[in-house]
C-alpha atoms as a PDB file:
ATOM      1  CA  UNK A   1      14.083  -8.304 -19.234  1.00  0.00           C
ATOM      2  CA  UNK A   2      15.423  -8.512 -15.699  1.00  0.00           C
ATOM      3  CA  UNK A   3      13.444  -5.402 -14.730  1.00  0.00           C
ATOM      4  CA  UNK A   4      10.280  -6.467 -16.564  1.00  0.00           C
ATOM      5  CA  UNK A   5      10.211 -10.002 -15.152  1.00  0.00           C
ATOM      6  CA  UNK A   6      12.160  -9.810 -11.926  1.00  0.00           C
ATOM      7  CA  UNK A   7      11.013  -6.492 -10.464  1.00  0.00           C
ATOM      8  CA  UNK A   8       7.282  -7.387 -10.173  1.00  0.00           C
ATOM      9  CA  UNK A   9       8.157 -10.630  -8.367  1.00  0.00           C
ATOM     10  CA  UNK A  10      10.442  -8.842  -5.941  1.00  0.00           C
ATOM     11  CA  UNK A  11       7.896  -6.072  -5.347  1.00  0.00           C
ATOM     12  CA  UNK A  12       5.020  -8.488  -4.674  1.00  0.00           C
ATOM     13  CA  UNK A  13       7.113 -10.475  -2.201  1.00  0.00           C
ATOM     14  CA  UNK A  14       8.361  -7.382  -0.383  1.00  0.00           C
ATOM     15  CA  UNK A  15       4.929  -5.732  -0.310  1.00  0.00           C
ATOM     16  CA  UNK A  16       3.279  -8.938   0.820  1.00  0.00           C
ATOM     17  CA  UNK A  17       5.578  -9.388   3.796  1.00  0.00           C
ATOM     18  CA  UNK A  18       6.346  -5.758   4.639  1.00  0.00           C
ATOM     19  CA  UNK A  19       2.965  -4.031   4.452  1.00  0.00           C
ATOM     20  CA  UNK A  20       1.281  -4.949   7.713  1.00  0.00           C
ATOM     21  CA  UNK A  21      -0.093  -3.024  10.659  1.00  0.00           C
ATOM     22  CA  UNK A  22       0.048  -6.032  12.943  1.00  0.00           C
ATOM     23  CA  UNK A  23       2.669  -6.330  15.647  1.00  0.00           C
ATOM     24  CA  UNK A  24       4.776  -9.280  16.643  1.00  0.00           C
ATOM     25  CA  UNK A  25       7.506  -9.810  19.226  1.00  0.00           C
ATOM     26  CA  UNK A  26       7.454  -6.206  20.455  1.00  0.00           C
ATOM     27  CA  UNK A  27       9.926  -5.860  23.312  1.00  0.00           C
ATOM     28  CA  UNK A  28       8.495  -4.524  26.557  1.00  0.00           C
ATOM     29  CA  UNK A  29       9.621  -3.961  30.128  1.00  0.00           C
ATOM     30  CA  UNK A  30       7.574  -4.492  33.288  1.00  0.00           C
ATOM     31  CA  UNK A  31       7.624  -2.891  36.722  1.00  0.00           C
ATOM     32  CA  UNK A  32       5.608  -5.133  39.043  1.00  0.00           C
ATOM     33  CA  UNK A  33       5.196  -3.252  42.305  1.00  0.00           C
ATOM     34  CA  UNK A  34       2.655  -5.781  43.537  1.00  0.00           C
ATOM     35  CA  UNK A  35       4.148  -9.171  42.594  1.00  0.00           C
ATOM     36  CA  UNK A  36       0.908 -10.938  43.428  1.00  0.00           C
ATOM     37  CA  UNK A  37      -0.979 -13.694  41.642  1.00  0.00           C
ATOM     38  CA  UNK A  38      -3.098 -11.368  39.496  1.00  0.00           C
ATOM     39  CA  UNK A  39      -0.196  -9.228  38.243  1.00  0.00           C
ATOM     40  CA  UNK A  40       1.744 -12.387  37.403  1.00  0.00           C
ATOM     41  CA  UNK A  41      -1.233 -13.820  35.525  1.00  0.00           C
ATOM     42  CA  UNK A  42      -1.633 -10.640  33.478  1.00  0.00           C
ATOM     43  CA  UNK A  43       2.095 -10.625  32.718  1.00  0.00           C
ATOM     44  CA  UNK A  44       1.909 -14.231  31.581  1.00  0.00           C
ATOM     45  CA  UNK A  45      -1.127 -13.478  29.411  1.00  0.00           C
ATOM     46  CA  UNK A  46       0.752 -10.628  27.735  1.00  0.00           C
ATOM     47  CA  UNK A  47       3.846 -12.717  27.093  1.00  0.00           C
ATOM     48  CA  UNK A  48       1.979 -15.851  26.015  1.00  0.00           C
ATOM     49  CA  UNK A  49       0.551 -13.921  23.090  1.00  0.00           C
ATOM     50  CA  UNK A  50       2.638 -13.545  19.947  1.00  0.00           C
ATOM     51  CA  UNK A  51       2.662  -9.803  20.346  1.00  0.00           C
ATOM     52  CA  UNK A  52       5.090  -9.110  23.189  1.00  0.00           C
ATOM     53  CA  UNK A  53       8.507 -10.252  24.407  1.00  0.00           C
ATOM     54  CA  UNK A  54       9.825  -9.418  27.858  1.00  0.00           C
ATOM     55  CA  UNK A  55      13.059  -7.491  27.530  1.00  0.00           C
ATOM     56  CA  UNK A  56      13.589  -6.754  31.214  1.00  0.00           C
ATOM     57  CA  UNK A  57      11.966  -6.469  34.629  1.00  0.00           C
ATOM     58  CA  UNK A  58      12.643  -2.983  35.941  1.00  0.00           C
ATOM     59  CA  UNK A  59      12.821  -2.251  39.633  1.00  0.00           C
ATOM     60  CA  UNK A  60      12.755   1.540  39.643  1.00  0.00           C
ATOM     61  CA  UNK A  61      10.934   4.304  37.784  1.00  0.00           C
ATOM     62  CA  UNK A  62      14.258   5.988  37.048  1.00  0.00           C
ATOM     63  CA  UNK A  63      15.152   3.059  34.782  1.00  0.00           C
ATOM     64  CA  UNK A  64      12.267   3.771  32.402  1.00  0.00           C
ATOM     65  CA  UNK A  65      13.904   6.636  30.522  1.00  0.00           C
ATOM     66  CA  UNK A  66      17.160   4.709  30.226  1.00  0.00           C
ATOM     67  CA  UNK A  67      15.384   1.649  28.826  1.00  0.00           C
ATOM     68  CA  UNK A  68      13.596   3.689  26.158  1.00  0.00           C
ATOM     69  CA  UNK A  69      16.789   5.411  25.121  1.00  0.00           C
ATOM     70  CA  UNK A  70      18.286   2.071  24.155  1.00  0.00           C
ATOM     71  CA  UNK A  71      15.722   1.957  21.333  1.00  0.00           C
ATOM     72  CA  UNK A  72      14.640  -1.677  21.691  1.00  0.00           C
ATOM     73  CA  UNK A  73      11.876  -1.339  24.282  1.00  0.00           C
ATOM     74  CA  UNK A  74       8.610   0.065  22.899  1.00  0.00           C
ATOM     75  CA  UNK A  75       6.481  -0.094  26.051  1.00  0.00           C
ATOM     76  CA  UNK A  76       6.761  -0.223  29.827  1.00  0.00           C
ATOM     77  CA  UNK A  77       3.894  -1.706  31.882  1.00  0.00           C
ATOM     78  CA  UNK A  78       3.619  -0.755  35.559  1.00  0.00           C
ATOM     79  CA  UNK A  79       1.435  -2.539  38.127  1.00  0.00           C
ATOM     80  CA  UNK A  80       0.543  -0.470  41.171  1.00  0.00           C
ATOM     81  CA  UNK A  81       1.133  -1.627  44.738  1.00  0.00           C
ATOM     82  CA  UNK A  82      -1.334  -4.194  46.149  1.00  0.00           C
ATOM     83  CA  UNK A  83      -2.849  -4.742  42.715  1.00  0.00           C
ATOM     84  CA  UNK A  84      -4.850  -7.907  43.532  1.00  0.00           C
ATOM     85  CA  UNK A  85      -5.914  -6.562  46.946  1.00  0.00           C
ATOM     86  CA  UNK A  86      -7.291  -3.350  45.412  1.00  0.00           C
ATOM     87  CA  UNK A  87      -9.036  -5.331  42.700  1.00  0.00           C
ATOM     88  CA  UNK A  88     -10.849  -7.365  45.361  1.00  0.00           C
ATOM     89  CA  UNK A  89     -11.490  -4.557  47.861  1.00  0.00           C
ATOM     90  CA  UNK A  90     -12.133  -1.563  45.608  1.00  0.00           C
ATOM     91  CA  UNK A  91     -13.156  -3.546  42.506  1.00  0.00           C
ATOM     92  CA  UNK A  92     -10.700  -1.420  40.583  1.00  0.00           C
ATOM     93  CA  UNK A  93      -6.933  -1.384  40.041  1.00  0.00           C
ATOM     94  CA  UNK A  94      -4.625   0.580  37.762  1.00  0.00           C
ATOM     95  CA  UNK A  95      -2.044  -0.480  35.208  1.00  0.00           C
ATOM     96  CA  UNK A  96       0.128   2.294  33.809  1.00  0.00           C
ATOM     97  CA  UNK A  97       1.187   1.904  30.179  1.00  0.00           C
ATOM     98  CA  UNK A  98       4.075   4.045  28.969  1.00  0.00           C
ATOM     99  CA  UNK A  99       4.789   3.846  25.235  1.00  0.00           C
ATOM    100  CA  UNK A 100       7.590   5.193  23.052  1.00  0.00           C
ATOM    101  CA  UNK A 101       5.608   7.615  20.879  1.00  0.00           C
ATOM    102  CA  UNK A 102       8.522   8.716  18.716  1.00  0.00           C
ATOM    103  CA  UNK A 103       6.704   6.415  16.288  1.00  0.00           C
ATOM    104  CA  UNK A 104       3.065   7.376  17.033  1.00  0.00           C
ATOM    105  CA  UNK A 105       1.512   4.706  14.803  1.00  0.00           C
ATOM    106  CA  UNK A 106       3.498   1.946  16.466  1.00  0.00           C
ATOM    107  CA  UNK A 107       2.761   3.371  19.920  1.00  0.00           C
ATOM    108  CA  UNK A 108      -0.980   3.429  19.221  1.00  0.00           C
ATOM    109  CA  UNK A 109      -0.989  -0.157  17.989  1.00  0.00           C
ATOM    110  CA  UNK A 110       1.065  -1.422  20.946  1.00  0.00           C
ATOM    111  CA  UNK A 111      -1.124   0.395  23.495  1.00  0.00           C
ATOM    112  CA  UNK A 112      -4.328  -0.862  21.873  1.00  0.00           C
ATOM    113  CA  UNK A 113      -3.090  -4.451  21.858  1.00  0.00           C
ATOM    114  CA  UNK A 114      -2.110  -4.169  25.533  1.00  0.00           C
ATOM    115  CA  UNK A 115      -5.452  -2.636  26.496  1.00  0.00           C
ATOM    116  CA  UNK A 116      -7.296  -5.410  24.630  1.00  0.00           C
ATOM    117  CA  UNK A 117      -5.393  -8.104  26.529  1.00  0.00           C
ATOM    118  CA  UNK A 118      -6.163  -6.348  29.823  1.00  0.00           C
ATOM    119  CA  UNK A 119      -9.864  -6.225  28.942  1.00  0.00           C
ATOM    120  CA  UNK A 120      -9.809  -9.882  27.984  1.00  0.00           C
ATOM    121  CA  UNK A 121      -8.245 -10.779  31.326  1.00  0.00           C
ATOM    122  CA  UNK A 122     -10.795  -8.590  33.109  1.00  0.00           C
ATOM    123  CA  UNK A 123     -13.648 -10.536  31.469  1.00  0.00           C
ATOM    124  CA  UNK A 124     -12.150 -13.883  32.449  1.00  0.00           C
ATOM    125  CA  UNK A 125     -11.513 -12.640  36.003  1.00  0.00           C
ATOM    126  CA  UNK A 126     -15.149 -11.568  36.329  1.00  0.00           C
ATOM    127  CA  UNK A 127     -16.510 -14.905  35.113  1.00  0.00           C
ATOM    128  CA  UNK A 128     -18.932 -16.294  37.706  1.00  0.00           C
ATOM    129  CA  UNK A 129     -18.748 -13.144  39.871  1.00  0.00           C
ATOM    130  CA  UNK A 130     -21.725 -10.893  40.447  1.00  0.00           C
ATOM    131  CA  UNK A 131     -19.822  -7.722  41.296  1.00  0.00           C
ATOM    132  CA  UNK A 132     -17.938  -6.231  38.316  1.00  0.00           C
ATOM    133  CA  UNK A 133     -14.278  -5.285  38.604  1.00  0.00           C
ATOM    134  CA  UNK A 134     -12.322  -2.866  36.457  1.00  0.00           C
ATOM    135  CA  UNK A 135      -8.680  -2.866  35.397  1.00  0.00           C
ATOM    136  CA  UNK A 136      -7.967   0.738  34.468  1.00  0.00           C
ATOM    137  CA  UNK A 137      -5.150   1.337  31.962  1.00  0.00           C
ATOM    138  CA  UNK A 138      -3.455   4.693  32.499  1.00  0.00           C
ATOM    139  CA  UNK A 139      -1.720   5.561  29.235  1.00  0.00           C
ATOM    140  CA  UNK A 140       1.244   7.886  28.798  1.00  0.00           C
ATOM    141  CA  UNK A 141       2.953   8.637  25.491  1.00  0.00           C
ATOM    142  CA  UNK A 142       6.633   9.463  25.843  1.00  0.00           C
ATOM    143  CA  UNK A 143       8.502  11.860  23.491  1.00  0.00           C
ATOM    144  CA  UNK A 144       5.331  12.744  21.565  1.00  0.00           C
ATOM    145  CA  UNK A 145       2.409  13.231  23.927  1.00  0.00           C
ATOM    146  CA  UNK A 146       0.107  14.684  21.245  1.00  0.00           C
ATOM    147  CA  UNK A 147       0.936  11.827  18.837  1.00  0.00           C
ATOM    148  CA  UNK A 148       1.796  14.224  16.013  1.00  0.00           C
ATOM    149  CA  UNK A 149       2.433  12.214  12.873  1.00  0.00           C
ATOM    150  CA  UNK A 150       4.868  14.841  11.622  1.00  0.00           C
ATOM    151  CA  UNK A 151       7.255  13.796  14.412  1.00  0.00           C
ATOM    152  CA  UNK A 152       7.412  10.409  12.720  1.00  0.00           C
ATOM    153  CA  UNK A 153       7.445  11.389   9.060  1.00  0.00           C
ATOM    154  CA  UNK A 154       9.790  14.381   9.093  1.00  0.00           C
ATOM    155  CA  UNK A 155      12.943  12.516  10.258  1.00  0.00           C
ATOM    156  CA  UNK A 156      12.124   9.754   7.800  1.00  0.00           C
ATOM    157  CA  UNK A 157      11.440  12.220   4.985  1.00  0.00           C
ATOM    158  CA  UNK A 158      14.844  13.830   5.582  1.00  0.00           C
ATOM    159  CA  UNK A 159      16.427  10.387   5.325  1.00  0.00           C
ATOM    160  CA  UNK A 160      14.669   9.390   2.119  1.00  0.00           C
ATOM    161  CA  UNK A 161      15.213  12.742   0.382  1.00  0.00           C
ATOM    162  CA  UNK A 162      18.908  12.876   1.213  1.00  0.00           C
ATOM    163  CA  UNK A 163      19.374   9.253   0.201  1.00  0.00           C
ATOM    164  CA  UNK A 164      17.597   9.407  -3.133  1.00  0.00           C
ATOM    165  CA  UNK A 165      18.564  12.914  -4.207  1.00  0.00           C
ATOM    166  CA  UNK A 166      22.234  12.598  -3.256  1.00  0.00           C
ATOM    167  CA  UNK A 167      22.748   9.125  -4.716  1.00  0.00           C
ATOM    168  CA  UNK A 168      20.718   9.732  -7.869  1.00  0.00           C
ATOM    169  CA  UNK A 169      22.129  13.209  -8.507  1.00  0.00           C
ATOM    170  CA  UNK A 170      25.706  11.993  -8.262  1.00  0.00           C
ATOM    171  CA  UNK A 171      25.271   8.790 -10.253  1.00  0.00           C
ATOM    172  CA  UNK A 172      23.448  10.491 -13.137  1.00  0.00           C
ATOM    173  CA  UNK A 173      25.835  13.430 -13.393  1.00  0.00           C
ATOM    174  CA  UNK A 174      28.929  11.240 -13.478  1.00  0.00           C
ATOM    175  CA  UNK A 175      27.313   8.777 -15.902  1.00  0.00           C
ATOM    176  CA  UNK A 176      26.548  11.747 -18.151  1.00  0.00           C
ATOM    177  CA  UNK A 177      30.197  12.761 -18.141  1.00  0.00           C
ATOM    178  CA  UNK A 178      31.125   9.233 -19.171  1.00  0.00           C
ATOM    179  CA  UNK A 179      28.668   9.415 -22.048  1.00  0.00           C
ATOM    180  CA  UNK A 180      30.069  12.763 -23.176  1.00  0.00           C
ATOM    181  CA  UNK A 181      33.655  11.541 -22.893  1.00  0.00           C
ATOM    182  CA  UNK A 182      34.805  14.141 -20.346  1.00  0.00           C
ATOM    183  CA  UNK A 183      35.355  11.478 -17.696  1.00  0.00           C
ATOM    184  CA  UNK A 184      37.892   9.718 -19.901  1.00  0.00           C
ATOM    185  CA  UNK A 185      39.944  12.910 -19.922  1.00  0.00           C
ATOM    186  CA  UNK A 186      40.097  12.827 -16.134  1.00  0.00           C
ATOM    187  CA  UNK A 187      40.894   9.120 -16.035  1.00  0.00           C
ATOM    188  CA  UNK A 188      43.964   9.531 -18.240  1.00  0.00           C
ATOM    189  CA  UNK A 189      45.128  12.627 -16.362  1.00  0.00           C
ATOM    190  CA  UNK A 190      47.736  12.516 -13.555  1.00  0.00           C
ATOM    191  CA  UNK A 191      44.894  12.772 -11.021  1.00  0.00           C
ATOM    192  CA  UNK A 192      44.465   9.771  -8.757  1.00  0.00           C
ATOM    193  CA  UNK A 193      41.042   8.058  -8.554  1.00  0.00           C
ATOM    194  CA  UNK A 194      40.548   9.269  -4.967  1.00  0.00           C
ATOM    195  CA  UNK A 195      41.177  12.859  -6.057  1.00  0.00           C
ATOM    196  CA  UNK A 196      38.644  12.525  -8.876  1.00  0.00           C
ATOM    197  CA  UNK A 197      36.029  11.094  -6.511  1.00  0.00           C
ATOM    198  CA  UNK A 198      36.574  13.795  -3.889  1.00  0.00           C
ATOM    199  CA  UNK A 199      36.387  16.490  -6.549  1.00  0.00           C
ATOM    200  CA  UNK A 200      33.087  15.142  -7.817  1.00  0.00           C
ATOM    201  CA  UNK A 201      31.585  14.650  -4.364  1.00  0.00           C
ATOM    202  CA  UNK A 202      32.528  17.919  -2.677  1.00  0.00           C
ATOM    203  CA  UNK A 203      30.025  20.253  -4.457  1.00  0.00           C
ATOM    204  CA  UNK A 204      27.199  17.785  -3.812  1.00  0.00           C
ATOM    205  CA  UNK A 205      28.132  17.560  -0.141  1.00  0.00           C
ATOM    206  CA  UNK A 206      27.520  21.309   0.150  1.00  0.00           C
ATOM    207  CA  UNK A 207      24.228  21.112  -1.785  1.00  0.00           C
ATOM    208  CA  UNK A 208      23.021  18.122   0.237  1.00  0.00           C
ATOM    209  CA  UNK A 209      23.921  19.808   3.512  1.00  0.00           C
ATOM    210  CA  UNK A 210      22.024  22.957   2.490  1.00  0.00           C
ATOM    211  CA  UNK A 211      18.984  20.797   1.655  1.00  0.00           C
ATOM    212  CA  UNK A 212      19.178  19.053   5.030  1.00  0.00           C
ATOM    213  CA  UNK A 213      19.453  22.316   6.988  1.00  0.00           C
ATOM    214  CA  UNK A 214      16.533  23.763   5.006  1.00  0.00           C
ATOM    215  CA  UNK A 215      14.354  20.752   5.854  1.00  0.00           C
ATOM    216  CA  UNK A 216      15.310  20.963   9.534  1.00  0.00           C
ATOM    217  CA  UNK A 217      14.457  24.677   9.638  1.00  0.00           C
ATOM    218  CA  UNK A 218      11.121  24.077   7.928  1.00  0.00           C
ATOM    219  CA  UNK A 219      10.367  21.273  10.357  1.00  0.00           C
ATOM    220  CA  UNK A 220      11.180  23.421  13.375  1.00  0.00           C
ATOM    221  CA  UNK A 221       9.484  26.674  12.390  1.00  0.00           C
ATOM    222  CA  UNK A 222       6.554  25.363  10.317  1.00  0.00           C
ATOM    223  CA  UNK A 223       5.688  22.033  11.952  1.00  0.00           C
ATOM    224  CA  UNK A 224       7.127  22.574  15.434  1.00  0.00           C
ATOM    225  CA  UNK A 225       9.450  19.587  15.145  1.00  0.00           C
ATOM    226  CA  UNK A 226      11.708  19.671  18.238  1.00  0.00           C
ATOM    227  CA  UNK A 227      15.431  19.049  18.375  1.00  0.00           C
ATOM    228  CA  UNK A 228      15.923  17.747  21.895  1.00  0.00           C
ATOM    229  CA  UNK A 229      19.521  16.660  21.407  1.00  0.00           C
ATOM    230  CA  UNK A 230      22.786  18.330  20.487  1.00  0.00           C
ATOM    231  CA  UNK A 231      22.461  20.291  17.240  1.00  0.00           C
ATOM    232  CA  UNK A 232      26.161  19.924  16.363  1.00  0.00           C
ATOM    233  CA  UNK A 233      25.939  16.142  16.738  1.00  0.00           C
ATOM    234  CA  UNK A 234      22.818  16.116  14.566  1.00  0.00           C
ATOM    235  CA  UNK A 235      24.504  18.119  11.804  1.00  0.00           C
ATOM    236  CA  UNK A 236      27.593  15.901  11.923  1.00  0.00           C
ATOM    237  CA  UNK A 237      25.423  12.793  11.561  1.00  0.00           C
ATOM    238  CA  UNK A 238      23.580  14.441   8.663  1.00  0.00           C
ATOM    239  CA  UNK A 239      26.903  15.228   7.005  1.00  0.00           C
ATOM    240  CA  UNK A 240      28.057  11.623   7.438  1.00  0.00           C
ATOM    241  CA  UNK A 241      24.865  10.319   5.862  1.00  0.00           C
ATOM    242  CA  UNK A 242      25.164  12.708   2.918  1.00  0.00           C
ATOM    243  CA  UNK A 243      28.737  11.588   2.255  1.00  0.00           C
ATOM    244  CA  UNK A 244      27.612   7.954   2.482  1.00  0.00           C
ATOM    245  CA  UNK A 245      24.759   8.549  -0.004  1.00  0.00           C
ATOM    246  CA  UNK A 246      27.069  10.388  -2.402  1.00  0.00           C
ATOM    247  CA  UNK A 247      29.653   7.618  -2.224  1.00  0.00           C
ATOM    248  CA  UNK A 248      26.892   5.131  -3.077  1.00  0.00           C
ATOM    249  CA  UNK A 249      25.905   7.324  -6.009  1.00  0.00           C
ATOM    250  CA  UNK A 250      29.489   7.308  -7.271  1.00  0.00           C
ATOM    251  CA  UNK A 251      29.602   3.529  -6.955  1.00  0.00           C
ATOM    252  CA  UNK A 252      26.439   3.283  -9.054  1.00  0.00           C
ATOM    253  CA  UNK A 253      27.985   5.573 -11.668  1.00  0.00           C
ATOM    254  CA  UNK A 254      31.029   3.311 -11.958  1.00  0.00           C
ATOM    255  CA  UNK A 255      28.710   0.387 -12.738  1.00  0.00           C
ATOM    256  CA  UNK A 256      26.230   2.176 -15.029  1.00  0.00           C
ATOM    257  CA  UNK A 257      27.390   3.039 -18.530  1.00  0.00           C
ATOM    258  CA  UNK A 258      24.596   5.481 -19.340  1.00  0.00           C
ATOM    259  CA  UNK A 259      22.457   8.077 -17.560  1.00  0.00           C
ATOM    260  CA  UNK A 260      19.364   5.953 -18.139  1.00  0.00           C
ATOM    261  CA  UNK A 261      20.925   2.947 -16.450  1.00  0.00           C
ATOM    262  CA  UNK A 262      22.100   5.066 -13.536  1.00  0.00           C
ATOM    263  CA  UNK A 263      18.592   6.502 -13.102  1.00  0.00           C
ATOM    264  CA  UNK A 264      16.956   3.064 -13.187  1.00  0.00           C
ATOM    265  CA  UNK A 265      19.374   1.687 -10.597  1.00  0.00           C
ATOM    266  CA  UNK A 266      18.973   4.754  -8.405  1.00  0.00           C
ATOM    267  CA  UNK A 267      15.176   4.840  -8.544  1.00  0.00           C
ATOM    268  CA  UNK A 268      14.216   1.178  -8.649  1.00  0.00           C
ATOM    269  CA  UNK A 269      17.212  -0.194  -6.803  1.00  0.00           C
ATOM    270  CA  UNK A 270      17.127   2.365  -3.984  1.00  0.00           C
ATOM    271  CA  UNK A 271      13.619   3.824  -3.710  1.00  0.00           C
ATOM    272  CA  UNK A 272      11.535   0.734  -2.938  1.00  0.00           C
ATOM    273  CA  UNK A 273      14.043  -0.968  -0.612  1.00  0.00           C
ATOM    274  CA  UNK A 274      14.706   2.353   1.101  1.00  0.00           C
ATOM    275  CA  UNK A 275      11.022   3.033   1.748  1.00  0.00           C
ATOM    276  CA  UNK A 276       9.945  -0.517   2.600  1.00  0.00           C
ATOM    277  CA  UNK A 277      13.009  -1.949   4.350  1.00  0.00           C
ATOM    278  CA  UNK A 278      14.210   1.000   6.409  1.00  0.00           C
ATOM    279  CA  UNK A 279      11.324   1.330   8.843  1.00  0.00           C
ATOM    280  CA  UNK A 280      10.103   4.394   6.930  1.00  0.00           C
ATOM    281  CA  UNK A 281       6.454   3.308   7.038  1.00  0.00           C
ATOM    282  CA  UNK A 282       6.220  -0.228   8.371  1.00  0.00           C
ATOM    283  CA  UNK A 283       7.969  -1.521  11.525  1.00  0.00           C
ATOM    284  CA  UNK A 284      10.809  -3.900  10.759  1.00  0.00           C
ATOM    285  CA  UNK A 285      10.026  -6.048  13.808  1.00  0.00           C
ATOM    286  CA  UNK A 286       6.901  -7.368  12.069  1.00  0.00           C
ATOM    287  CA  UNK A 287       8.747  -8.599   8.988  1.00  0.00           C
ATOM    288  CA  UNK A 288      10.201 -12.080   8.393  1.00  0.00           C
ATOM    289  CA  UNK A 289      13.746 -12.658   9.595  1.00  0.00           C
ATOM    290  CA  UNK A 290      15.139 -12.712   6.054  1.00  0.00           C
ATOM    291  CA  UNK A 291      13.760  -9.232   5.342  1.00  0.00           C
ATOM    292  CA  UNK A 292      15.059  -7.968   8.686  1.00  0.00           C
ATOM    293  CA  UNK A 293      18.528  -9.213   7.733  1.00  0.00           C
ATOM    294  CA  UNK A 294      18.282  -7.527   4.330  1.00  0.00           C
ATOM    295  CA  UNK A 295      17.102  -4.342   6.075  1.00  0.00           C
ATOM    296  CA  UNK A 296      20.395  -4.260   7.989  1.00  0.00           C
ATOM    297  CA  UNK A 297      22.086  -3.556   4.651  1.00  0.00           C
ATOM    298  CA  UNK A 298      19.909  -0.481   4.098  1.00  0.00           C
ATOM    299  CA  UNK A 299      21.783   2.671   5.250  1.00  0.00           C
ATOM    300  CA  UNK A 300      18.524   4.629   5.823  1.00  0.00           C
ATOM    301  CA  UNK A 301      17.508   2.186   8.557  1.00  0.00           C
ATOM    302  CA  UNK A 302      20.461   3.219  10.696  1.00  0.00           C
ATOM    303  CA  UNK A 303      20.143   6.940   9.966  1.00  0.00           C
ATOM    304  CA  UNK A 304      16.439   6.940  10.877  1.00  0.00           C
ATOM    305  CA  UNK A 305      17.375   5.455  14.251  1.00  0.00           C
ATOM    306  CA  UNK A 306      20.042   8.127  14.723  1.00  0.00           C
ATOM    307  CA  UNK A 307      17.987  11.152  13.723  1.00  0.00           C
ATOM    308  CA  UNK A 308      14.935  10.110  15.770  1.00  0.00           C
ATOM    309  CA  UNK A 309      17.113   9.456  18.785  1.00  0.00           C
ATOM    310  CA  UNK A 310      18.742  12.889  18.616  1.00  0.00           C
ATOM    311  CA  UNK A 311      15.707  14.954  17.642  1.00  0.00           C
ATOM    312  CA  UNK A 312      12.990  13.321  19.758  1.00  0.00           C
ATOM    313  CA  UNK A 313      14.785  11.545  22.596  1.00  0.00           C
ATOM    314  CA  UNK A 314      17.657  13.986  23.035  1.00  0.00           C
ATOM    315  CA  UNK A 315      20.282  11.283  23.449  1.00  0.00           C
ATOM    316  CA  UNK A 316      23.973  11.579  22.669  1.00  0.00           C
ATOM    317  CA  UNK A 317      26.645   9.598  20.901  1.00  0.00           C
ATOM    318  CA  UNK A 318      26.858   7.110  23.791  1.00  0.00           C
ATOM    319  CA  UNK A 319      23.587   5.525  22.609  1.00  0.00           C
ATOM    320  CA  UNK A 320      24.038   5.786  18.824  1.00  0.00           C
ATOM    321  CA  UNK A 321      27.726   4.999  18.382  1.00  0.00           C
ATOM    322  CA  UNK A 322      26.958   1.587  16.862  1.00  0.00           C
ATOM    323  CA  UNK A 323      24.690   3.050  14.174  1.00  0.00           C
ATOM    324  CA  UNK A 324      27.242   5.786  13.484  1.00  0.00           C
ATOM    325  CA  UNK A 325      30.031   3.239  13.029  1.00  0.00           C
ATOM    326  CA  UNK A 326      27.843   1.221  10.654  1.00  0.00           C
ATOM    327  CA  UNK A 327      27.237   4.280   8.452  1.00  0.00           C
ATOM    328  CA  UNK A 328      30.926   5.143   8.586  1.00  0.00           C
ATOM    329  CA  UNK A 329      31.837   1.587   7.602  1.00  0.00           C
ATOM    330  CA  UNK A 330      29.397   1.651   4.675  1.00  0.00           C
ATOM    331  CA  UNK A 331      30.880   4.945   3.505  1.00  0.00           C
ATOM    332  CA  UNK A 332      34.399   3.509   3.541  1.00  0.00           C
ATOM    333  CA  UNK A 333      33.249   0.401   1.657  1.00  0.00           C
ATOM    334  CA  UNK A 334      31.413   2.392  -1.027  1.00  0.00           C
ATOM    335  CA  UNK A 335      34.355   4.751  -1.540  1.00  0.00           C
ATOM    336  CA  UNK A 336      36.795   1.831  -1.651  1.00  0.00           C
ATOM    337  CA  UNK A 337      34.728   0.005  -4.285  1.00  0.00           C
ATOM    338  CA  UNK A 338      34.391   3.214  -6.303  1.00  0.00           C
ATOM    339  CA  UNK A 339      38.149   3.779  -6.282  1.00  0.00           C
ATOM    340  CA  UNK A 340      38.711   0.162  -7.292  1.00  0.00           C
ATOM    341  CA  UNK A 341      36.338   0.483 -10.238  1.00  0.00           C
ATOM    342  CA  UNK A 342      38.076   3.657 -11.358  1.00  0.00           C
ATOM    343  CA  UNK A 343      41.419   1.852 -11.217  1.00  0.00           C
ATOM    344  CA  UNK A 344      40.045  -0.972 -13.341  1.00  0.00           C
ATOM    345  CA  UNK A 345      38.986   1.539 -15.981  1.00  0.00           C
ATOM    346  CA  UNK A 346      42.436   3.110 -15.927  1.00  0.00           C
ATOM    347  CA  UNK A 347      43.944  -0.256 -16.762  1.00  0.00           C
END
């Protein structure tokens, strides 16, 4: 009854708020080499909309790469020197737009919104003037110049597959052993709960790791997906995520009494939230605050950030240590709860 009545309500609410291609409060940075009245007016017009928030004013081009590596800034807008003077003298001035194209859909939307605001300002600037002027946006896509969608979907596909397969495979197999009675034999044996959990998880760690490496090889050789960062760091992060997913699967198996229950929890309880609230398809920044807070509890959200940062941006642990610690903390919590549930059954 809970699934029949509650699940449609939850799905409608999540779909209604999550499925949107609009942008809101996208963080940007600005390099204003001109600092004249026109560049300030354009900046104000950008920020007065509901689309953009100013994260920082950069003073040097060398700061652009560093700002994108932090992961928060999606776009950098650069005004050329003597912007207003060139607009009056030459009737043309340039604005360079640099977007983080590791998410090509988001980059396209952000650039289009920016270009529309520039055109709108250009029309208002020309009002009452006989000689037309042109504000020329020069667009550059960083990390994915060709805007290949596979660069966006492959890291996310790895995340979803590892999450669902590892968690579901573990939960169902252990629930099956409970149904058959073989788990009870282990629970009354001298083995400690931690030893039982490690014994159950270890084979699936190997299988999950093989799956991950296979996907990475297919991505590299078939789709040309680059790995800009350290391969060892990437594999270690993949291993951490697999262990986390398996520990979640074990936790589900300690709650579910049957294989059917374990499958329902794994599919319905993990699939929709994982796809909708992890940034897999729709940007989290556009969602209501309550859904953004719930998304912080979704492990795939943090792994997607990690894998994109390593594969596309080539950054190291110095920029993703927070996300790594969050995954590590979730793993410890899931294992701890699993051990506790095993102890309860022993009593």
